[in-house]
Amino acid sequence: MFKISKIALFPALAFALFAHCASKPEATAQAITAVPPAQEATPDLTGLSKATFAGGCFWCLEAVFESIKGVKEAVSGYSGGNEANPSYEQVGSGSTGHAESVEVYYDSTQIHFPELVRVFFASINPTQVNGQGPDHGRQYRSIVFYQNAQEQKIAQDFIDQLNQSGKLGARVAVEVTAFSRFWRAEEYHQNYVVHNPGNPYVQHESLPRLRRTLEQVPELVKEKK
């Protein structure tokens, strides 16, 4: 677990500094050396289906999908914009059109796209415009990326049902967008919640969001080994 100096002396200040994703470049500086990417085993993703979602900080969303049965891998990255091979700093500036996203590799014999959509909506505030929780800006907007007409209909039908139910108290702000290209984020972002459980943002935002999501879809959660 990596440690941030002076947290013990100034917990309130530390939380203020790391209470949103905009602070992540400073928070991740030590993670690059604390968890070398070389330690990560590359999973075999041959024959798996893919789905892509954006919903606020990709650390949070990646941790959610990694906990779902049938999901073999979730990768943090960028999608929805025009900039080729963008950096974290470029996306964070809001100039690329990309949103922090997660590419989900899943076994379609164990879980299906409609269930992934349900997990996604359970993990976010669907009515928040251009952001999730403390993270604000187009780079944190919520999107279901579809790869065919069937996925588009599944996502749009889910949104229509939520809007018609009126239970959210506001219109759903999630975009339904044709998938174009996914750019993998820098290695220090991958599996960030697992590698850095002591990070204040992870403690105050990522882990509570993960718990809230899994409580809503208990039948889809991987069994603990």
Protein backbone atom coordinates (compact mmCIF):
# COMPACT_ATOMS: atom_id res chain seq x y z
CA MET A 1 0.00 0.00 0.00
CA PHE A 2 1.48 3.33 -0.87
CA LYS A 3 1.49 6.12 1.67
CA ILE A 4 1.10 9.86 1.27
CA SER A 5 3.24 11.89 3.61
CA LYS A 6 1.61 13.92 6.36
CA ILE A 7 -1.78 12.21 6.06
CA ALA A 8 -1.59 11.19 9.70
CA LEU A 9 -0.96 14.81 10.69
CA PHE A 10 -3.46 16.45 8.35
CA PRO A 11 -6.30 14.01 7.51
CA ALA A 12 -8.78 16.75 6.66
CA LEU A 13 -6.34 18.44 4.30
CA ALA A 14 -5.42 15.12 2.70
CA PHE A 15 -9.06 14.32 1.99
CA ALA A 16 -9.59 17.77 0.49
CA LEU A 17 -6.65 17.27 -1.83
CA PHE A 18 -7.65 13.79 -2.99
CA ALA A 19 -11.44 13.99 -2.89
CA HIS A 20 -11.80 14.06 -6.65
CA CYS A 21 -10.15 12.53 -9.69
CA ALA A 22 -8.59 15.81 -10.77
CA SER A 23 -5.96 15.21 -8.08
CA LYS A 24 -4.94 11.83 -9.45
CA PRO A 25 -1.64 12.75 -11.16
CA GLU A 26 -0.12 13.67 -7.79
CA ALA A 27 -1.75 10.70 -6.07
CA THR A 28 -0.44 8.21 -8.60
CA ALA A 29 3.15 9.40 -8.77
CA GLN A 30 4.36 6.86 -6.22
CA ALA A 31 2.14 4.09 -7.57
CA ILE A 32 4.25 3.82 -10.71
CA THR A 33 7.19 2.52 -8.73
CA ALA A 34 5.22 0.85 -5.95
CA VAL A 35 3.47 -1.55 -8.34
CA PRO A 36 5.60 -2.17 -11.43
CA PRO A 37 3.47 -3.17 -14.45
CA ALA A 38 5.85 -6.08 -15.04
CA GLN A 39 4.29 -7.80 -12.03
CA GLU A 40 0.94 -8.02 -13.82
CA ALA A 41 0.21 -11.28 -15.62
CA THR A 42 -1.48 -10.73 -18.98
CA PRO A 43 -4.73 -12.73 -19.04
CA ASP A 44 -5.76 -14.74 -22.08
CA LEU A 45 -8.65 -12.77 -23.59
CA THR A 46 -9.05 -14.93 -26.69
CA GLY A 47 -12.66 -15.48 -27.70
CA LEU A 48 -14.15 -13.11 -25.15
CA SER A 49 -16.79 -10.52 -25.89
CA LYS A 50 -16.12 -6.82 -25.24
CA ALA A 51 -18.22 -3.98 -23.91
CA THR A 52 -17.18 -0.40 -23.19
CA PHE A 53 -18.61 2.01 -20.61
CA ALA A 54 -17.76 5.43 -19.22
CA GLY A 55 -19.01 6.52 -15.83
CA GLY A 56 -16.86 8.94 -13.88
CA CYS A 57 -13.46 7.88 -12.58
CA PHE A 58 -12.23 4.77 -14.37
CA TRP A 59 -10.61 3.48 -11.18
CA CYS A 60 -14.09 3.08 -9.69
CA LEU A 61 -15.72 1.54 -12.74
CA GLU A 62 -12.87 -0.90 -13.36
CA ALA A 63 -13.12 -2.20 -9.78
CA VAL A 64 -16.86 -2.71 -10.18
CA PHE A 65 -16.64 -4.78 -13.35
CA GLU A 66 -13.67 -6.79 -12.07
CA SER A 67 -16.01 -8.00 -9.31
CA ILE A 68 -18.72 -9.30 -11.67
CA LYS A 69 -19.02 -12.96 -12.61
CA GLY A 70 -18.11 -13.78 -16.20
CA VAL A 71 -15.86 -10.73 -16.48
CA LYS A 72 -12.30 -11.87 -17.15
CA GLU A 73 -10.68 -8.45 -17.40
CA ALA A 74 -11.56 -4.76 -17.15
CA VAL A 75 -9.14 -2.22 -18.60
CA SER A 76 -9.02 1.49 -17.83
CA GLY A 77 -8.68 3.83 -20.78
CA TYR A 78 -10.18 6.56 -22.89
CA SER A 79 -12.95 6.60 -25.48
CA GLY A 80 -15.51 8.86 -27.07
CA GLY A 81 -13.17 11.51 -28.47
CA ASN A 82 -11.02 12.16 -31.50
CA GLU A 83 -7.49 12.45 -30.09
CA ALA A 84 -5.27 9.48 -31.00
CA ASN A 85 -3.39 7.79 -28.15
CA PRO A 86 -4.26 10.50 -25.60
CA SER A 87 -2.44 10.91 -22.31
CA TYR A 88 -4.13 11.13 -18.93
CA GLU A 89 -3.25 14.80 -18.70
CA GLN A 90 -4.75 15.53 -22.13
CA VAL A 91 -8.00 13.78 -21.30
CA GLY A 92 -8.14 15.47 -17.91
CA SER A 93 -7.88 18.88 -19.56
CA GLY A 94 -11.20 18.20 -21.33
CA SER A 95 -9.73 19.09 -24.72
CA THR A 96 -9.81 15.63 -26.37
CA GLY A 97 -13.51 14.79 -26.21
CA HIS A 98 -12.60 11.48 -24.57
CA ALA A 99 -14.16 10.20 -21.38
CA GLU A 100 -12.43 8.01 -18.83
CA SER A 101 -13.72 4.58 -19.85
CA VAL A 102 -13.45 0.89 -19.09
CA GLU A 103 -13.25 -1.90 -21.65
CA VAL A 104 -14.83 -5.05 -20.27
CA TYR A 105 -13.82 -8.51 -21.52
CA TYR A 106 -16.48 -11.05 -20.63
CA ASP A 107 -17.56 -14.61 -21.22
CA SER A 108 -20.95 -14.38 -22.92
CA THR A 109 -21.83 -17.88 -21.74
CA GLN A 110 -21.72 -16.63 -18.15
CA ILE A 111 -23.02 -13.07 -18.40
CA HIS A 112 -24.79 -11.09 -21.09
CA PHE A 113 -24.70 -7.49 -22.26
CA PRO A 114 -28.06 -6.56 -20.64
CA GLU A 115 -26.68 -7.67 -17.28
CA LEU A 116 -23.55 -5.59 -17.79
CA VAL A 117 -25.76 -2.61 -18.56
CA ARG A 118 -27.63 -3.22 -15.31
CA VAL A 119 -24.36 -3.36 -13.39
CA PHE A 120 -23.22 -0.15 -15.05
CA PHE A 121 -26.36 1.75 -14.09
CA ALA A 122 -26.14 0.41 -10.55
CA SER A 123 -22.62 1.85 -10.31
CA ILE A 124 -23.48 5.44 -11.25
CA ASN A 125 -25.88 8.27 -10.59
CA PRO A 126 -27.64 8.13 -13.98
CA THR A 127 -29.00 11.67 -13.68
CA GLN A 128 -25.70 13.45 -13.03
CA VAL A 129 -24.66 15.48 -16.06
CA ASN A 130 -20.99 15.47 -17.12
CA GLY A 131 -19.63 13.79 -14.03
CA GLN A 132 -19.99 11.28 -11.23
CA GLY A 133 -19.81 12.14 -7.56
CA PRO A 134 -17.04 14.68 -6.97
CA ASP A 135 -15.66 14.38 -10.51
CA HIS A 136 -16.94 17.00 -12.94
CA GLY A 137 -16.34 17.66 -16.62
CA ARG A 138 -17.03 16.03 -19.99
CA GLN A 139 -14.15 13.66 -19.38
CA TYR A 140 -16.25 12.11 -16.58
CA ARG A 141 -19.57 11.89 -18.44
CA SER A 142 -21.49 8.61 -18.45
CA ILE A 143 -21.76 6.62 -21.69
CA VAL A 144 -22.87 3.21 -22.89
CA PHE A 145 -20.88 2.50 -26.03
CA TYR A 146 -22.68 0.10 -28.37
CA GLN A 147 -21.10 -2.07 -31.05
CA ASN A 148 -24.26 -3.05 -32.90
CA ALA A 149 -27.94 -2.19 -33.22
CA GLN A 150 -28.96 -4.79 -30.65
CA GLU A 151 -26.72 -3.30 -27.96
CA GLN A 152 -27.97 0.17 -28.84
CA LYS A 153 -31.58 -0.97 -28.35
CA ILE A 154 -30.78 -2.70 -25.07
CA ALA A 155 -29.16 0.42 -23.64
CA GLN A 156 -31.83 2.81 -24.94
CA ASP A 157 -34.69 0.59 -23.74
CA PHE A 158 -33.12 0.49 -20.26
CA ILE A 159 -32.92 4.28 -20.20
CA ASP A 160 -36.48 4.67 -21.51
CA GLN A 161 -37.78 2.39 -18.77
CA LEU A 162 -35.96 4.38 -16.10
CA ASN A 163 -37.31 7.66 -17.45
CA GLN A 164 -40.85 6.32 -17.68
CA SER A 165 -40.72 4.97 -14.14
CA GLY A 166 -40.06 8.44 -12.73
CA LYS A 167 -38.27 6.90 -9.76
CA LEU A 168 -35.05 8.81 -10.34
CA GLY A 169 -36.69 12.21 -10.05
CA ALA A 170 -34.86 13.50 -13.12
CA ARG A 171 -34.11 12.47 -16.68
CA VAL A 172 -31.29 10.02 -17.31
CA ALA A 173 -28.16 11.84 -18.51
CA VAL A 174 -26.32 8.77 -19.79
CA GLU A 175 -25.28 8.93 -23.45
CA VAL A 176 -25.73 5.99 -25.83
CA THR A 177 -22.93 6.27 -28.37
CA ALA A 178 -21.54 4.12 -31.17
CA PHE A 179 -18.19 2.64 -30.19
CA SER A 180 -15.24 3.83 -32.26
CA ARG A 181 -11.89 3.29 -30.55
CA PHE A 182 -10.60 2.53 -27.09
CA TRP A 183 -7.21 3.75 -25.94
CA ARG A 184 -5.63 1.92 -23.01
CA ALA A 185 -4.63 4.22 -20.15
CA GLU A 186 -1.17 4.40 -18.65
CA GLU A 187 -0.15 1.27 -16.74
CA TYR A 188 -0.24 2.90 -13.31
CA HIS A 189 -4.00 3.32 -13.71
CA GLN A 190 -4.65 -0.39 -14.26
CA ASN A 191 -6.12 -2.23 -11.24
CA TYR A 192 -5.54 0.93 -9.25
CA VAL A 193 -8.01 0.19 -6.47
CA VAL A 194 -6.45 -3.22 -5.81
CA HIS A 195 -2.92 -1.83 -5.78
CA ASN A 196 -3.60 1.32 -3.78
CA PRO A 197 -6.31 0.69 -1.17
CA GLY A 198 -4.81 3.34 1.09
CA ASN A 199 -5.22 6.17 -1.40
CA PRO A 200 -7.68 8.67 0.13
CA TYR A 201 -9.72 8.92 -3.08
CA VAL A 202 -9.98 5.12 -3.20
CA GLN A 203 -11.06 4.96 0.44
CA HIS A 204 -13.60 7.78 0.28
CA GLU A 205 -14.99 7.29 -3.23
CA SER A 206 -13.94 4.10 -5.06
CA LEU A 207 -14.54 1.53 -2.31
CA PRO A 208 -17.87 2.95 -1.10
CA ARG A 209 -19.06 3.10 -4.71
CA LEU A 210 -17.98 -0.51 -5.22
CA ARG A 211 -19.85 -1.66 -2.11
CA ARG A 212 -23.02 0.23 -3.08
CA THR A 213 -22.99 -1.30 -6.54
CA LEU A 214 -22.44 -4.89 -5.44
CA GLU A 215 -25.24 -4.60 -2.88
CA GLN A 216 -27.62 -3.84 -5.76
CA VAL A 217 -26.60 -6.81 -7.93
CA PRO A 218 -25.64 -9.56 -5.44
CA GLU A 219 -26.55 -12.37 -7.83
CA LEU A 220 -23.96 -11.14 -10.34
CA VAL A 221 -21.03 -10.85 -7.95
CA LYS A 222 -18.11 -13.27 -8.24
CA GLU A 223 -17.82 -15.80 -5.48
CA LYS A 224 -14.99 -15.13 -3.07
CA LYS A 225 -12.11 -17.56 -3.41
